[in-house]
Every structure is written in C-alpha cells, then in structure tokens.
Amino acid sequence: MIGLWLFVGATFLEPSGGSFRSTAGSGLVVACLSGYDAYESREASAIVSDSDRG
C-alpha cells in the first residue's frame, strides 16, 4: 500500500522535477518488491500445506 501511495501521491501532489521522479520511482520499486514478496509467501505457504497432508 505504501508503494502505491508513493506512486499515486506523486501524481496528485505534483512535486517539482527530480522530486517527482524520485518519489514515483521509489513507489514503483516498493510496490513491485511487496508484490513479489506476497507471491513468494503464497507459494511457500502452498508447499508447507502440501507437506502437512502427508
């Protein structure tokens, strides 16, 4: 959520020049990394639940 807020907030708050690019870029990086982390944890959870079935 923070990554998306940084990305969208940069558009609405309209910071000047380099500040806009920095904020939007940071937001994209945080959003992508958190999405990847959520994907990996879902996959790991599926592997653990499969091994519990025996």
Protein backbone atom coordinates (compact mmCIF):
# COMPACT_ATOMS: atom_id res chain seq x y z
CA MET A 1 0.00 0.00 0.00
CA ILE A 2 2.82 2.41 0.77
CA GLY A 3 4.41 1.82 -2.62
CA LEU A 4 1.16 2.55 -4.41
CA TRP A 5 0.61 5.67 -2.30
CA LEU A 6 4.06 6.97 -3.18
CA PHE A 7 3.42 6.38 -6.86
CA VAL A 8 -0.10 7.83 -6.98
CA GLY A 9 0.61 10.58 -4.45
CA ALA A 10 3.46 11.86 -6.57
CA THR A 11 0.98 12.50 -9.37
CA PHE A 12 -1.63 14.28 -7.25
CA LEU A 13 0.71 16.32 -5.09
CA GLU A 14 2.78 17.36 -8.12
CA PRO A 15 6.24 17.80 -6.59
CA SER A 16 8.74 19.56 -8.81
CA GLY A 17 11.24 17.93 -11.17
CA GLY A 18 13.57 15.40 -9.59
CA SER A 19 11.40 15.05 -6.51
CA PHE A 20 8.53 13.71 -8.65
CA ARG A 21 10.70 11.16 -10.41
CA SER A 22 12.35 10.06 -7.18
CA THR A 23 9.04 9.63 -5.34
CA ALA A 24 7.32 7.85 -8.23
CA GLY A 25 10.33 5.60 -8.81
CA SER A 26 10.56 4.69 -5.14
CA GLY A 27 6.85 3.92 -5.11
CA LEU A 28 7.15 1.60 -8.09
CA VAL A 29 10.11 -0.23 -6.57
CA VAL A 30 8.35 -0.71 -3.22
CA ALA A 31 5.12 -1.85 -4.90
CA CYS A 32 6.95 -4.36 -7.12
CA LEU A 33 9.01 -5.78 -4.27
CA SER A 34 5.99 -6.15 -1.99
CA GLY A 35 4.03 -7.84 -4.79
CA TYR A 36 6.88 -10.27 -5.36
CA ASP A 37 7.12 -10.96 -1.63
CA ALA A 38 3.37 -11.67 -1.45
CA TYR A 39 3.67 -14.03 -4.43
CA GLU A 40 6.61 -15.91 -2.89
CA SER A 41 4.95 -16.25 0.53
CA ARG A 42 1.78 -17.62 -1.10
CA GLU A 43 3.85 -20.21 -2.95
CA ALA A 44 5.77 -21.16 0.21
CA SER A 45 2.51 -21.49 2.12
CA ALA A 46 1.18 -23.87 -0.53
CA ILE A 47 4.31 -26.04 -0.27
CA VAL A 48 4.04 -26.23 3.54
CA SER A 49 0.35 -27.15 3.44
CA ASP A 50 1.03 -29.86 0.83
CA SER A 51 3.73 -31.44 3.02
CA ASP A 52 1.36 -31.46 6.02
CA ARG A 53 -1.06 -33.70 4.15
CA GLY A 54 1.46 -36.49 4.34
